[in-house]
PDB file of N, CA and C in Angstrom:
ATOM      1  N   MET A   1       1.092  -1.133  -0.250  1.00  0.00           N
ATOM      2  CA  MET A   1       0.014   0.186  -0.195  1.00  0.00           C
ATOM      3  C   MET A   1       1.061   1.241   0.045  1.00  0.00           C
ATOM      4  N   LEU A   2       0.624   2.088  -1.033  1.00  0.00           N
ATOM      5  CA  LEU A   2       1.583   3.223  -1.183  1.00  0.00           C
ATOM      6  C   LEU A   2       0.820   4.406  -0.591  1.00  0.00           C
ATOM      7  N   ILE A   3       1.497   5.001   0.555  1.00  0.00           N
ATOM      8  CA  ILE A   3       0.661   6.300   0.997  1.00  0.00           C
ATOM      9  C   ILE A   3       1.553   7.557   1.223  1.00  0.00           C
ATOM     10  N   TYR A   4       1.150   8.361   0.195  1.00  0.00           N
ATOM     11  CA  TYR A   4       1.930   9.803   0.224  1.00  0.00           C
ATOM     12  C   TYR A   4       1.627  10.813   0.943  1.00  0.00           C
ATOM     13  N   ILE A   5       2.073  11.047   2.014  1.00  0.00           N
ATOM     14  CA  ILE A   5       1.518  12.079   3.090  1.00  0.00           C
ATOM     15  C   ILE A   5       2.425  13.395   2.900  1.00  0.00           C
ATOM     16  N   SER A   6       3.471  13.292   1.912  1.00  0.00           N
ATOM     17  CA  SER A   6       4.363  14.888   2.437  1.00  0.00           C
ATOM     18  C   SER A   6       3.460  15.947   2.080  1.00  0.00           C
ATOM     19  N   PRO A   7       2.391  16.020   0.949  1.00  0.00           N
ATOM     20  CA  PRO A   7       1.975  17.045   0.658  1.00  0.00           C
ATOM     21  C   PRO A   7       1.207  17.945   1.962  1.00  0.00           C
ATOM     22  N   PHE A   8       0.454  16.939   2.504  1.00  0.00           N
ATOM     23  CA  PHE A   8      -0.638  16.998   3.566  1.00  0.00           C
ATOM     24  C   PHE A   8       0.431  17.728   4.736  1.00  0.00           C
ATOM     25  N   ILE A   9       1.892  16.842   5.136  1.00  0.00           N
ATOM     26  CA  ILE A   9       2.496  17.624   5.998  1.00  0.00           C
ATOM     27  C   ILE A   9       3.174  18.991   5.451  1.00  0.00           C
ATOM     28  N   ASN A  10       3.452  19.282   4.481  1.00  0.00           N
ATOM     29  CA  ASN A  10       3.997  20.497   3.927  1.00  0.00           C
ATOM     30  C   ASN A  10       2.604  21.686   3.983  1.00  0.00           C
ATOM     31  N   SER A  11       1.793  21.331   3.687  1.00  0.00           N
ATOM     32  CA  SER A  11       0.236  21.899   3.884  1.00  0.00           C
ATOM     33  C   SER A  11       0.153  22.834   5.261  1.00  0.00           C
ATOM     34  N   TYR A  12       0.791  21.889   6.136  1.00  0.00           N
ATOM     35  CA  TYR A  12       0.645  22.773   7.274  1.00  0.00           C
ATOM     36  C   TYR A  12       1.905  23.167   7.819  1.00  0.00           C
ATOM     37  N   GLN A  13       2.740  23.619   7.136  1.00  0.00           N
ATOM     38  CA  GLN A  13       4.022  24.183   6.911  1.00  0.00           C
ATOM     39  C   GLN A  13       4.574  23.369   8.265  1.00  0.00           C
ATOM     40  N   GLN A  14       5.084  22.381   8.114  1.00  0.00           N
ATOM     41  CA  GLN A  14       6.130  21.534   8.937  1.00  0.00           C
ATOM     42  C   GLN A  14       7.141  21.365   7.968  1.00  0.00           C
ATOM     43  N   PRO A  15       8.422  21.359   8.979  1.00  0.00           N
ATOM     44  CA  PRO A  15       9.530  21.231   8.321  1.00  0.00           C
ATOM     45  C   PRO A  15       9.888  19.772   7.903  1.00  0.00           C
ATOM     46  N   VAL A  16      10.125  19.290   6.805  1.00  0.00           N
ATOM     47  CA  VAL A  16      10.201  18.354   5.760  1.00  0.00           C
ATOM     48  C   VAL A  16      11.432  18.642   5.111  1.00  0.00           C
ATOM     49  N   ALA A  17      12.265  17.510   5.062  1.00  0.00           N
ATOM     50  CA  ALA A  17      13.856  17.124   4.432  1.00  0.00           C
ATOM     51  C   ALA A  17      13.420  17.843   2.996  1.00  0.00           C
ATOM     52  N   PRO A  18      14.162  18.452   2.398  1.00  0.00           N
ATOM     53  CA  PRO A  18      14.287  18.860   1.129  1.00  0.00           C
ATOM     54  C   PRO A  18      14.337  17.198  -0.074  1.00  0.00           C
ATOM     55  N   GLU A  19      14.437  17.667  -1.037  1.00  0.00           N
ATOM     56  CA  GLU A  19      14.400  16.481  -2.100  1.00  0.00           C
ATOM     57  C   GLU A  19      13.585  15.019  -1.999  1.00  0.00           C
ATOM     58  N   HIS A  20      12.634  14.994  -1.565  1.00  0.00           N
ATOM     59  CA  HIS A  20      11.669  13.803  -1.569  1.00  0.00           C
ATOM     60  C   HIS A  20      11.541  13.671  -2.842  1.00  0.00           C
ATOM     61  N   SER A  21      11.466  12.506  -3.056  1.00  0.00           N
ATOM     62  CA  SER A  21      10.752  11.525  -4.108  1.00  0.00           C
ATOM     63  C   SER A  21       9.325  10.929  -4.070  1.00  0.00           C
ATOM     64  N   PHE A  22       8.373  10.923  -4.944  1.00  0.00           N
ATOM     65  CA  PHE A  22       6.972  10.043  -4.740  1.00  0.00           C
ATOM     66  C   PHE A  22       7.709   8.616  -4.899  1.00  0.00           C
ATOM     67  N   LEU A  23       8.557   8.275  -5.350  1.00  0.00           N
ATOM     68  CA  LEU A  23       8.511   6.720  -5.077  1.00  0.00           C
ATOM     69  C   LEU A  23       9.784   6.325  -4.119  1.00  0.00           C
ATOM     70  N   PHE A  24      10.607   7.046  -3.721  1.00  0.00           N
ATOM     71  CA  PHE A  24      11.739   6.776  -2.681  1.00  0.00           C
ATOM     72  C   PHE A  24      11.358   7.240  -1.403  1.00  0.00           C
ATOM     73  N   GLY A  25      10.759   8.463  -1.231  1.00  0.00           N
ATOM     74  CA  GLY A  25      10.428   9.270  -0.292  1.00  0.00           C
ATOM     75  C   GLY A  25      11.880   9.959  -0.436  1.00  0.00           C
ATOM     76  N   HIS A  26      12.649   9.834   1.087  1.00  0.00           N
ATOM     77  CA  HIS A  26      13.618  10.528   1.169  1.00  0.00           C
ATOM     78  C   HIS A  26      15.347   9.524   1.471  1.00  0.00           C
ATOM     79  N   LEU A  27      14.672   8.491   0.644  1.00  0.00           N
ATOM     80  CA  LEU A  27      15.628   7.445   0.808  1.00  0.00           C
ATOM     81  C   LEU A  27      17.097   8.008  -0.271  1.00  0.00           C
ATOM     82  N   LEU A  28      17.168   8.277  -1.496  1.00  0.00           N
ATOM     83  CA  LEU A  28      17.952   9.135  -1.968  1.00  0.00           C
ATOM     84  C   LEU A  28      18.679  10.296  -1.265  1.00  0.00           C
ATOM     85  N   TYR A  29      18.066  10.774  -0.832  1.00  0.00           N
ATOM     86  CA  TYR A  29      18.404  12.158   0.099  1.00  0.00           C
ATOM     87  C   TYR A  29      19.328  11.624   0.930  1.00  0.00           C
ATOM     88  N   LEU A  30      19.095  10.357   1.868  1.00  0.00           N
ATOM     89  CA  LEU A  30      19.928   9.667   2.885  1.00  0.00           C
ATOM     90  C   LEU A  30      20.975   9.030   2.478  1.00  0.00           C
ATOM     91  N   LYS A  31      20.937   8.902   0.781  1.00  0.00           N
ATOM     92  CA  LYS A  31      22.069   7.873   0.571  1.00  0.00           C
ATOM     93  C   LYS A  31      23.233   9.127   0.119  1.00  0.00           C
ATOM     94  N   LYS A  32      22.731  10.135  -0.195  1.00  0.00           N
ATOM     95  CA  LYS A  32      23.941  11.278  -0.397  1.00  0.00           C
ATOM     96  C   LYS A  32      24.488  11.653   1.171  1.00  0.00           C
ATOM     97  N   TYR A  33      23.985  11.604   1.869  1.00  0.00           N
ATOM     98  CA  TYR A  33      24.408  11.769   3.202  1.00  0.00           C
ATOM     99  C   TYR A  33      25.577  10.538   3.939  1.00  0.00           C
ATOM    100  N   GLY A  34      24.895   9.073   3.502  1.00  0.00           N
ATOM    101  CA  GLY A  34      25.335   8.094   3.922  1.00  0.00           C
ATOM    102  C   GLY A  34      26.974   7.719   3.281  1.00  0.00           C
ATOM    103  N   ASP A  35      26.771   8.157   1.931  1.00  0.00           N
ATOM    104  CA  ASP A  35      28.228   8.009   0.976  1.00  0.00           C
ATOM    105  C   ASP A  35      29.080   8.966   1.735  1.00  0.00           C
ATOM    106  N   ASN A  36      28.882  10.085   2.150  1.00  0.00           N
ATOM    107  CA  ASN A  36      30.177  10.664   3.217  1.00  0.00           C
ATOM    108  C   ASN A  36      30.562  10.212   4.659  1.00  0.00           C
ATOM    109  N   LEU A  37      29.691   9.146   5.234  1.00  0.00           N
ATOM    110  CA  LEU A  37      30.358   8.546   6.278  1.00  0.00           C
ATOM    111  C   LEU A  37      31.015   7.573   6.318  1.00  0.00           C
ATOM    112  N   PRO A  38      32.003   7.485   7.162  1.00  0.00           N
ATOM    113  CA  PRO A  38      33.040   6.613   7.271  1.00  0.00           C
ATOM    114  C   PRO A  38      32.241   4.802   7.184  1.00  0.00           C
ATOM    115  N   ASN A  39      33.047   3.933   6.695  1.00  0.00           N
ATOM    116  CA  ASN A  39      32.902   2.737   6.782  1.00  0.00           C
ATOM    117  C   ASN A  39      32.338   2.578   8.571  1.00  0.00           C
ATOM    118  N   GLY A  40      31.322   1.921   8.669  1.00  0.00           N
ATOM    119  CA  GLY A  40      30.605   1.174   9.989  1.00  0.00           C
ATOM    120  C   GLY A  40      30.519   2.476  10.623  1.00  0.00           C
ATOM    121  N   ALA A  41      30.053   3.354  10.216  1.00  0.00           N
ATOM    122  CA  ALA A  41      29.309   4.716  10.998  1.00  0.00           C
ATOM    123  C   ALA A  41      27.866   4.342  11.263  1.00  0.00           C
ATOM    124  N   HIS A  42      27.316   4.549  12.364  1.00  0.00           N
ATOM    125  CA  HIS A  42      26.319   4.674  12.419  1.00  0.00           C
ATOM    126  C   HIS A  42      25.135   5.765  11.813  1.00  0.00           C
ATOM    127  N   PHE A  43      23.937   4.714  11.133  1.00  0.00           N
ATOM    128  CA  PHE A  43      23.233   5.739  10.178  1.00  0.00           C
ATOM    129  C   PHE A  43      22.563   7.082  11.025  1.00  0.00           C
ATOM    130  N   GLN A  44      22.245   7.159  12.408  1.00  0.00           N
ATOM    131  CA  GLN A  44      22.116   8.483  12.740  1.00  0.00           C
ATOM    132  C   GLN A  44      22.832   9.752  12.658  1.00  0.00           C
ATOM    133  N   TYR A  45      24.060   9.401  12.525  1.00  0.00           N
ATOM    134  CA  TYR A  45      25.059  10.387  11.913  1.00  0.00           C
ATOM    135  C   TYR A  45      24.467  11.374  10.804  1.00  0.00           C
ATOM    136  N   MET A  46      23.501  10.719  10.138  1.00  0.00           N
ATOM    137  CA  MET A  46      22.747  11.363   8.433  1.00  0.00           C
ATOM    138  C   MET A  46      22.196  12.113   8.977  1.00  0.00           C
ATOM    139  N   PHE A  47      21.234  11.928   9.819  1.00  0.00           N
ATOM    140  CA  PHE A  47      20.083  13.109  10.688  1.00  0.00           C
ATOM    141  C   PHE A  47      20.873  14.210  11.319  1.00  0.00           C
ATOM    142  N   SER A  48      21.915  13.907  12.063  1.00  0.00           N
ATOM    143  CA  SER A  48      22.759  14.969  12.612  1.00  0.00           C
ATOM    144  C   SER A  48      23.014  16.162  11.434  1.00  0.00           C
ATOM    145  N   ASP A  49      23.409  15.338  10.579  1.00  0.00           N
ATOM    146  CA  ASP A  49      24.125  16.599   9.251  1.00  0.00           C
ATOM    147  C   ASP A  49      23.050  16.927   8.575  1.00  0.00           C
ATOM    148  N   ILE A  50      21.807  16.425   8.430  1.00  0.00           N
ATOM    149  CA  ILE A  50      20.741  17.073   7.826  1.00  0.00           C
ATOM    150  C   ILE A  50      20.008  18.304   8.548  1.00  0.00           C
ATOM    151  N   TYR A  51      20.166  17.778  10.030  1.00  0.00           N
ATOM    152  CA  TYR A  51      19.646  18.773  11.038  1.00  0.00           C
ATOM    153  C   TYR A  51      20.861  20.127  11.438  1.00  0.00           C
ATOM    154  N   GLN A  52      21.960  20.010  10.962  1.00  0.00           N
ATOM    155  CA  GLN A  52      23.126  20.839  10.707  1.00  0.00           C
ATOM    156  C   GLN A  52      22.986  21.971   9.812  1.00  0.00           C
ATOM    157  N   GLU A  53      23.019  21.126   8.554  1.00  0.00           N
ATOM    158  CA  GLU A  53      22.419  21.820   7.295  1.00  0.00           C
ATOM    159  C   GLU A  53      21.324  22.648   7.039  1.00  0.00           C
ATOM    160  N   SER A  54      20.269  22.119   7.681  1.00  0.00           N
ATOM    161  CA  SER A  54      18.942  22.472   7.212  1.00  0.00           C
ATOM    162  C   SER A  54      17.923  23.288   8.198  1.00  0.00           C
ATOM    163  N   PHE A  55      17.963  22.661   9.443  1.00  0.00           N
ATOM    164  CA  PHE A  55      16.606  23.016  10.306  1.00  0.00           C
ATOM    165  C   PHE A  55      17.201  22.984  11.887  1.00  0.00           C
ATOM    166  N   GLN A  56      18.446  24.032  11.812  1.00  0.00           N
ATOM    167  CA  GLN A  56      18.822  24.463  12.986  1.00  0.00           C
ATOM    168  C   GLN A  56      17.883  25.421  13.939  1.00  0.00           C
ATOM    169  N   ASP A  57      17.074  25.855  12.915  1.00  0.00           N
ATOM    170  CA  ASP A  57      16.178  27.066  13.578  1.00  0.00           C
ATOM    171  C   ASP A  57      15.083  26.232  13.969  1.00  0.00           C
ATOM    172  N   THR A  58      14.364  25.329  13.638  1.00  0.00           N
ATOM    173  CA  THR A  58      13.332  24.222  14.046  1.00  0.00           C
ATOM    174  C   THR A  58      13.343  23.325  15.115  1.00  0.00           C
ATOM    175  N   GLY A  59      14.564  22.556  14.818  1.00  0.00           N
ATOM    176  CA  GLY A  59      15.077  21.732  16.091  1.00  0.00           C
ATOM    177  C   GLY A  59      14.406  20.232  15.442  1.00  0.00           C
ATOM    178  N   VAL A  60      13.425  20.352  14.636  1.00  0.00           N
ATOM    179  CA  VAL A  60      12.501  18.952  14.276  1.00  0.00           C
ATOM    180  C   VAL A  60      12.545  19.092  12.793  1.00  0.00           C
ATOM    181  N   PHE A  61      12.458  17.943  12.112  1.00  0.00           N
ATOM    182  CA  PHE A  61      11.987  17.466  10.887  1.00  0.00           C
ATOM    183  C   PHE A  61      11.614  16.171  10.667  1.00  0.00           C
ATOM    184  N   TYR A  62      10.593  16.045   9.636  1.00  0.00           N
ATOM    185  CA  TYR A  62      10.232  14.822   8.811  1.00  0.00           C
ATOM    186  C   TYR A  62      10.855  14.048   7.711  1.00  0.00           C
ATOM    187  N   LEU A  63      11.112  12.954   8.098  1.00  0.00           N
ATOM    188  CA  LEU A  63      11.856  12.240   6.747  1.00  0.00           C
ATOM    189  C   LEU A  63      10.698  11.276   6.564  1.00  0.00           C
ATOM    190  N   ASP A  64      10.960  10.868   4.925  1.00  0.00           N
ATOM    191  CA  ASP A  64       9.897   9.755   4.541  1.00  0.00           C
ATOM    192  C   ASP A  64      10.913   9.042   4.428  1.00  0.00           C
ATOM    193  N   ILE A  65      10.814   7.908   4.928  1.00  0.00           N
ATOM    194  CA  ILE A  65      11.657   6.940   4.674  1.00  0.00           C
ATOM    195  C   ILE A  65      11.123   5.508   4.135  1.00  0.00           C
ATOM    196  N   TRP A  66      10.005   5.764   3.553  1.00  0.00           N
ATOM    197  CA  TRP A  66       9.001   4.605   2.972  1.00  0.00           C
ATOM    198  C   TRP A  66       9.783   3.818   1.908  1.00  0.00           C
ATOM    199  N   PRO A  67       9.513   2.622   1.776  1.00  0.00           N
ATOM    200  CA  PRO A  67       8.990   1.498   2.140  1.00  0.00           C
ATOM    201  C   PRO A  67       9.560   1.034   3.567  1.00  0.00           C
ATOM    202  N   LEU A  68      10.497   1.457   4.326  1.00  0.00           N
ATOM    203  CA  LEU A  68      10.942   0.866   5.412  1.00  0.00           C
ATOM    204  C   LEU A  68      10.491   1.314   6.716  1.00  0.00           C
ATOM    205  N   SER A  69       9.910   2.314   6.301  1.00  0.00           N
ATOM    206  CA  SER A  69       9.134   2.923   7.932  1.00  0.00           C
ATOM    207  C   SER A  69       8.015   3.953   7.433  1.00  0.00           C
ATOM    208  N   PRO A  70       6.877   4.046   8.522  1.00  0.00           N
ATOM    209  CA  PRO A  70       6.291   5.027   8.351  1.00  0.00           C
ATOM    210  C   PRO A  70       6.897   6.569   8.439  1.00  0.00           C
ATOM    211  N   MET A  71       6.591   7.786   8.263  1.00  0.00           N
ATOM    212  CA  MET A  71       6.811   8.846   8.110  1.00  0.00           C
ATOM    213  C   MET A  71       7.789   8.993   9.663  1.00  0.00           C
ATOM    214  N   PHE A  72       8.869   9.527   9.587  1.00  0.00           N
ATOM    215  CA  PHE A  72       9.917   9.475  10.831  1.00  0.00           C
ATOM    216  C   PHE A  72       9.882  11.161  11.113  1.00  0.00           C
ATOM    217  N   LEU A  73       9.861  11.407  12.269  1.00  0.00           N
ATOM    218  CA  LEU A  73      10.184  12.831  12.842  1.00  0.00           C
ATOM    219  C   LEU A  73      11.463  12.215  13.553  1.00  0.00           C
ATOM    220  N   ALA A  74      12.624  13.455  13.458  1.00  0.00           N
ATOM    221  CA  ALA A  74      13.575  13.760  13.738  1.00  0.00           C
ATOM    222  C   ALA A  74      13.831  14.535  14.787  1.00  0.00           C
ATOM    223  N   VAL A  75      14.127  14.761  16.196  1.00  0.00           N
ATOM    224  CA  VAL A  75      13.703  15.792  16.962  1.00  0.00           C
ATOM    225  C   VAL A  75      15.529  16.092  17.687  1.00  0.00           C
ATOM    226  N   PHE A  76      15.841  17.330  17.591  1.00  0.00           N
ATOM    227  CA  PHE A  76      16.857  17.827  17.846  1.00  0.00           C
ATOM    228  C   PHE A  76      16.933  18.555  19.173  1.00  0.00           C
ATOM    229  N   SER A  77      15.809  19.329  19.066  1.00  0.00           N
ATOM    230  CA  SER A  77      15.407  20.391  19.922  1.00  0.00           C
ATOM    231  C   SER A  77      15.255  19.824  21.619  1.00  0.00           C
ATOM    232  N   PRO A  78      16.053  20.224  22.198  1.00  0.00           N
ATOM    233  CA  PRO A  78      15.925  19.692  23.896  1.00  0.00           C
ATOM    234  C   PRO A  78      14.191  20.162  24.593  1.00  0.00           C
ATOM    235  N   LYS A  79      13.491  21.175  24.051  1.00  0.00           N
ATOM    236  CA  LYS A  79      12.452  21.785  24.635  1.00  0.00           C
ATOM    237  C   LYS A  79      11.268  21.205  23.660  1.00  0.00           C
ATOM    238  N   THR A  80      11.644  20.464  22.441  1.00  0.00           N
ATOM    239  CA  THR A  80      10.353  19.705  21.982  1.00  0.00           C
ATOM    240  C   THR A  80      10.450  18.398  22.143  1.00  0.00           C
ATOM    241  N   ALA A  81      11.824  17.696  22.352  1.00  0.00           N
ATOM    242  CA  ALA A  81      11.881  16.422  23.389  1.00  0.00           C
ATOM    243  C   ALA A  81      11.203  16.426  24.669  1.00  0.00           C
ATOM    244  N   ILE A  82      11.453  17.343  25.042  1.00  0.00           N
ATOM    245  CA  ILE A  82      10.664  17.551  26.744  1.00  0.00           C
ATOM    246  C   ILE A  82       8.899  17.580  26.517  1.00  0.00           C
ATOM    247  N   ILE A  83       8.429  17.953  25.474  1.00  0.00           N
ATOM    248  CA  ILE A  83       7.196  18.358  25.154  1.00  0.00           C
ATOM    249  C   ILE A  83       6.578  16.955  24.770  1.00  0.00           C
ATOM    250  N   ALA A  84       7.330  16.438  23.515  1.00  0.00           N
ATOM    251  CA  ALA A  84       6.805  15.017  23.149  1.00  0.00           C
ATOM    252  C   ALA A  84       7.173  13.974  24.180  1.00  0.00           C
ATOM    253  N   THR A  85       8.185  13.969  24.861  1.00  0.00           N
ATOM    254  CA  THR A  85       7.866  12.588  25.863  1.00  0.00           C
ATOM    255  C   THR A  85       7.518  12.596  27.263  1.00  0.00           C
ATOM    256  N   GLN A  86       7.461  13.924  27.946  1.00  0.00           N
ATOM    257  CA  GLN A  86       7.055  13.981  29.237  1.00  0.00           C
ATOM    258  C   GLN A  86       5.693  15.108  29.256  1.00  0.00           C
ATOM    259  N   THR A  87       5.970  15.904  28.784  1.00  0.00           N
ATOM    260  CA  THR A  87       4.664  16.753  29.049  1.00  0.00           C
ATOM    261  C   THR A  87       3.087  16.312  27.925  1.00  0.00           C
ATOM    262  N   ASN A  88       3.278  15.955  27.058  1.00  0.00           N
ATOM    263  CA  ASN A  88       2.152  15.398  26.337  1.00  0.00           C
ATOM    264  C   ASN A  88       2.093  13.781  26.698  1.00  0.00           C
ATOM    265  N   THR A  89       0.965  13.471  27.604  1.00  0.00           N
ATOM    266  CA  THR A  89       0.862  12.004  28.276  1.00  0.00           C
ATOM    267  C   THR A  89       0.365  11.078  27.066  1.00  0.00           C
ATOM    268  N   GLY A  90      -0.025  11.916  26.245  1.00  0.00           N
ATOM    269  CA  GLY A  90      -0.696  10.981  24.999  1.00  0.00           C
ATOM    270  C   GLY A  90       0.725  10.106  24.133  1.00  0.00           C
ATOM    271  N   ILE A  91       1.187  10.992  23.887  1.00  0.00           N
ATOM    272  CA  ILE A  91       2.658  10.362  22.986  1.00  0.00           C
ATOM    273  C   ILE A  91       3.329   9.672  24.407  1.00  0.00           C
ATOM    274  N   ALA A  92       3.634  10.292  24.775  1.00  0.00           N
ATOM    275  CA  ALA A  92       4.399   9.508  26.282  1.00  0.00           C
ATOM    276  C   ALA A  92       4.308   8.260  26.491  1.00  0.00           C
ATOM    277  N   SER A  93       2.911   8.214  27.041  1.00  0.00           N
ATOM    278  CA  SER A  93       2.249   6.394  27.411  1.00  0.00           C
ATOM    279  C   SER A  93       1.950   5.872  26.392  1.00  0.00           C
ATOM    280  N   ARG A  94       2.151   6.300  25.273  1.00  0.00           N
ATOM    281  CA  ARG A  94       1.672   5.010  23.910  1.00  0.00           C
ATOM    282  C   ARG A  94       3.160   4.334  23.853  1.00  0.00           C
ATOM    283  N   LYS A  95       2.873   3.183  23.402  1.00  0.00           N
ATOM    284  CA  LYS A  95       4.243   2.138  22.706  1.00  0.00           C
ATOM    285  C   LYS A  95       4.202   2.007  21.263  1.00  0.00           C
ATOM    286  N   PRO A  96       5.234   2.084  20.914  1.00  0.00           N
ATOM    287  CA  PRO A  96       5.455   1.868  19.633  1.00  0.00           C
ATOM    288  C   PRO A  96       4.355   0.884  18.905  1.00  0.00           C
ATOM    289  N   ASP A  97       4.072   1.060  17.810  1.00  0.00           N
ATOM    290  CA  ASP A  97       2.890  -0.177  17.249  1.00  0.00           C
ATOM    291  C   ASP A  97       3.586  -1.136  16.764  1.00  0.00           C
ATOM    292  N   LEU A  98       5.140  -1.026  16.687  1.00  0.00           N
ATOM    293  CA  LEU A  98       5.978  -2.660  16.119  1.00  0.00           C
ATOM    294  C   LEU A  98       6.205  -3.651  17.496  1.00  0.00           C
ATOM    295  N   LEU A  99       6.309  -2.781  18.594  1.00  0.00           N
ATOM    296  CA  LEU A  99       7.218  -3.201  19.681  1.00  0.00           C
ATOM    297  C   LEU A  99       6.354  -4.822  19.865  1.00  0.00           C
ATOM    298  N   PRO A 100       5.200  -5.234  19.760  1.00  0.00           N
ATOM    299  CA  PRO A 100       4.458  -6.597  19.833  1.00  0.00           C
ATOM    300  C   PRO A 100       5.283  -7.408  18.549  1.00  0.00           C
ATOM    301  N   ARG A 101       5.338  -6.766  17.584  1.00  0.00           N
ATOM    302  CA  ARG A 101       6.055  -7.822  16.464  1.00  0.00           C
ATOM    303  C   ARG A 101       7.461  -8.083  17.081  1.00  0.00           C
ATOM    304  N   PHE A 102       7.824  -7.261  17.202  1.00  0.00           N
ATOM    305  CA  PHE A 102       9.471  -7.664  17.594  1.00  0.00           C
ATOM    306  C   PHE A 102       9.863  -8.371  18.948  1.00  0.00           C
ATOM    307  N   PHE A 103       8.665  -8.333  19.542  1.00  0.00           N
ATOM    308  CA  PHE A 103       8.908  -8.934  21.001  1.00  0.00           C
ATOM    309  C   PHE A 103       8.444 -10.387  21.088  1.00  0.00           C
ATOM    310  N   LYS A 104       7.594 -10.675  20.067  1.00  0.00           N
ATOM    311  CA  LYS A 104       7.021 -12.003  19.989  1.00  0.00           C
ATOM    312  C   LYS A 104       7.899 -12.719  19.792  1.00  0.00           C
ATOM    313  N   PRO A 105       8.646 -13.239  19.018  1.00  0.00           N
ATOM    314  CA  PRO A 105       9.825 -14.202  18.830  1.00  0.00           C
ATOM    315  C   PRO A 105      10.481 -14.173  19.887  1.00  0.00           C
ATOM    316  N   ILE A 106      10.741 -13.518  20.812  1.00  0.00           N
ATOM    317  CA  ILE A 106      11.849 -13.623  21.853  1.00  0.00           C
ATOM    318  C   ILE A 106      10.880 -13.993  23.099  1.00  0.00           C
ATOM    319  N   ALA A 107       9.763 -13.220  23.328  1.00  0.00           N
ATOM    320  CA  ALA A 107       8.946 -13.647  24.282  1.00  0.00           C
ATOM    321  C   ALA A 107       7.647 -14.456  24.385  1.00  0.00           C
ATOM    322  N   GLY A 108       7.302 -14.846  23.168  1.00  0.00           N
ATOM    323  CA  GLY A 108       6.112 -15.380  22.986  1.00  0.00           C
ATOM    324  C   GLY A 108       4.905 -15.202  22.898  1.00  0.00           C
ATOM    325  N   GLY A 109       4.761 -13.905  23.188  1.00  0.00           N
ATOM    326  CA  GLY A 109       3.189 -13.349  22.873  1.00  0.00           C
ATOM    327  C   GLY A 109       3.506 -11.691  23.770  1.00  0.00           C
ATOM    328  N   LEU A 110       2.335 -11.446  24.752  1.00  0.00           N
ATOM    329  CA  LEU A 110       2.199 -10.149  25.303  1.00  0.00           C
ATOM    330  C   LEU A 110       3.230 -10.159  26.740  1.00  0.00           C
ATOM    331  N   ASN A 111       3.935  -9.319  27.108  1.00  0.00           N
ATOM    332  CA  ASN A 111       4.332  -9.174  27.994  1.00  0.00           C
ATOM    333  C   ASN A 111       4.764  -8.088  28.701  1.00  0.00           C
ATOM    334  N   LEU A 112       5.510  -7.401  29.700  1.00  0.00           N
ATOM    335  CA  LEU A 112       5.563  -6.242  30.229  1.00  0.00           C
ATOM    336  C   LEU A 112       5.843  -5.312  29.391  1.00  0.00           C
ATOM    337  N   PHE A 113       6.442  -5.318  28.361  1.00  0.00           N
ATOM    338  CA  PHE A 113       7.203  -4.530  27.469  1.00  0.00           C
ATOM    339  C   PHE A 113       6.249  -3.893  26.131  1.00  0.00           C
ATOM    340  N   ASN A 114       5.210  -4.826  25.951  1.00  0.00           N
ATOM    341  CA  ASN A 114       4.248  -4.510  24.802  1.00  0.00           C
ATOM    342  C   ASN A 114       3.072  -4.588  25.163  1.00  0.00           C
ATOM    343  N   LEU A 115       2.519  -4.612  26.680  1.00  0.00           N
ATOM    344  CA  LEU A 115       1.196  -4.484  26.978  1.00  0.00           C
ATOM    345  C   LEU A 115       0.707  -3.319  27.035  1.00  0.00           C
ATOM    346  N   PRO A 116      -0.645  -3.059  26.343  1.00  0.00           N
ATOM    347  CA  PRO A 116      -0.893  -1.608  26.585  1.00  0.00           C
ATOM    348  C   PRO A 116      -0.931  -1.103  27.767  1.00  0.00           C
ATOM    349  N   LYS A 117      -0.957   0.274  28.346  1.00  0.00           N
ATOM    350  CA  LYS A 117      -0.981   0.784  29.244  1.00  0.00           C
ATOM    351  C   LYS A 117      -2.110   0.564  30.008  1.00  0.00           C
ATOM    352  N   ALA A 118      -3.294   0.258  29.329  1.00  0.00           N
ATOM    353  CA  ALA A 118      -4.584   0.175  30.494  1.00  0.00           C
ATOM    354  C   ALA A 118      -4.520  -1.333  31.009  1.00  0.00           C
ATOM    355  N   ASP A 119      -3.819  -2.113  30.388  1.00  0.00           N
ATOM    356  CA  ASP A 119      -3.593  -3.623  30.558  1.00  0.00           C
ATOM    357  C   ASP A 119      -2.362  -3.669  32.057  1.00  0.00           C
TER     358      ASP A 119
END
């Protein structure tokens, strides 16, 4: 299923990384930064390079890394990180949707790591 949501985010004037492709999202853009990294470097260094180049004024930006993942929000601002993880309880208490999928082979089913908060 192909979901194209970048125009939706851009219409709300959200910070989105440049050079978006309808077919590849930002994967080709990330490749440009990945090619500059030394062998064995962690991929998250690319996000730091993008932040330093284009988003120091906002502290956050969206990356579309479809088909590997849904829209990705990179947060570099401490103030924004506090809002997202501590102040906004709806976001802070919600566990990632993919958590049960990754814990099932290890734990065999529901456990303390992937139970919904209400349970």
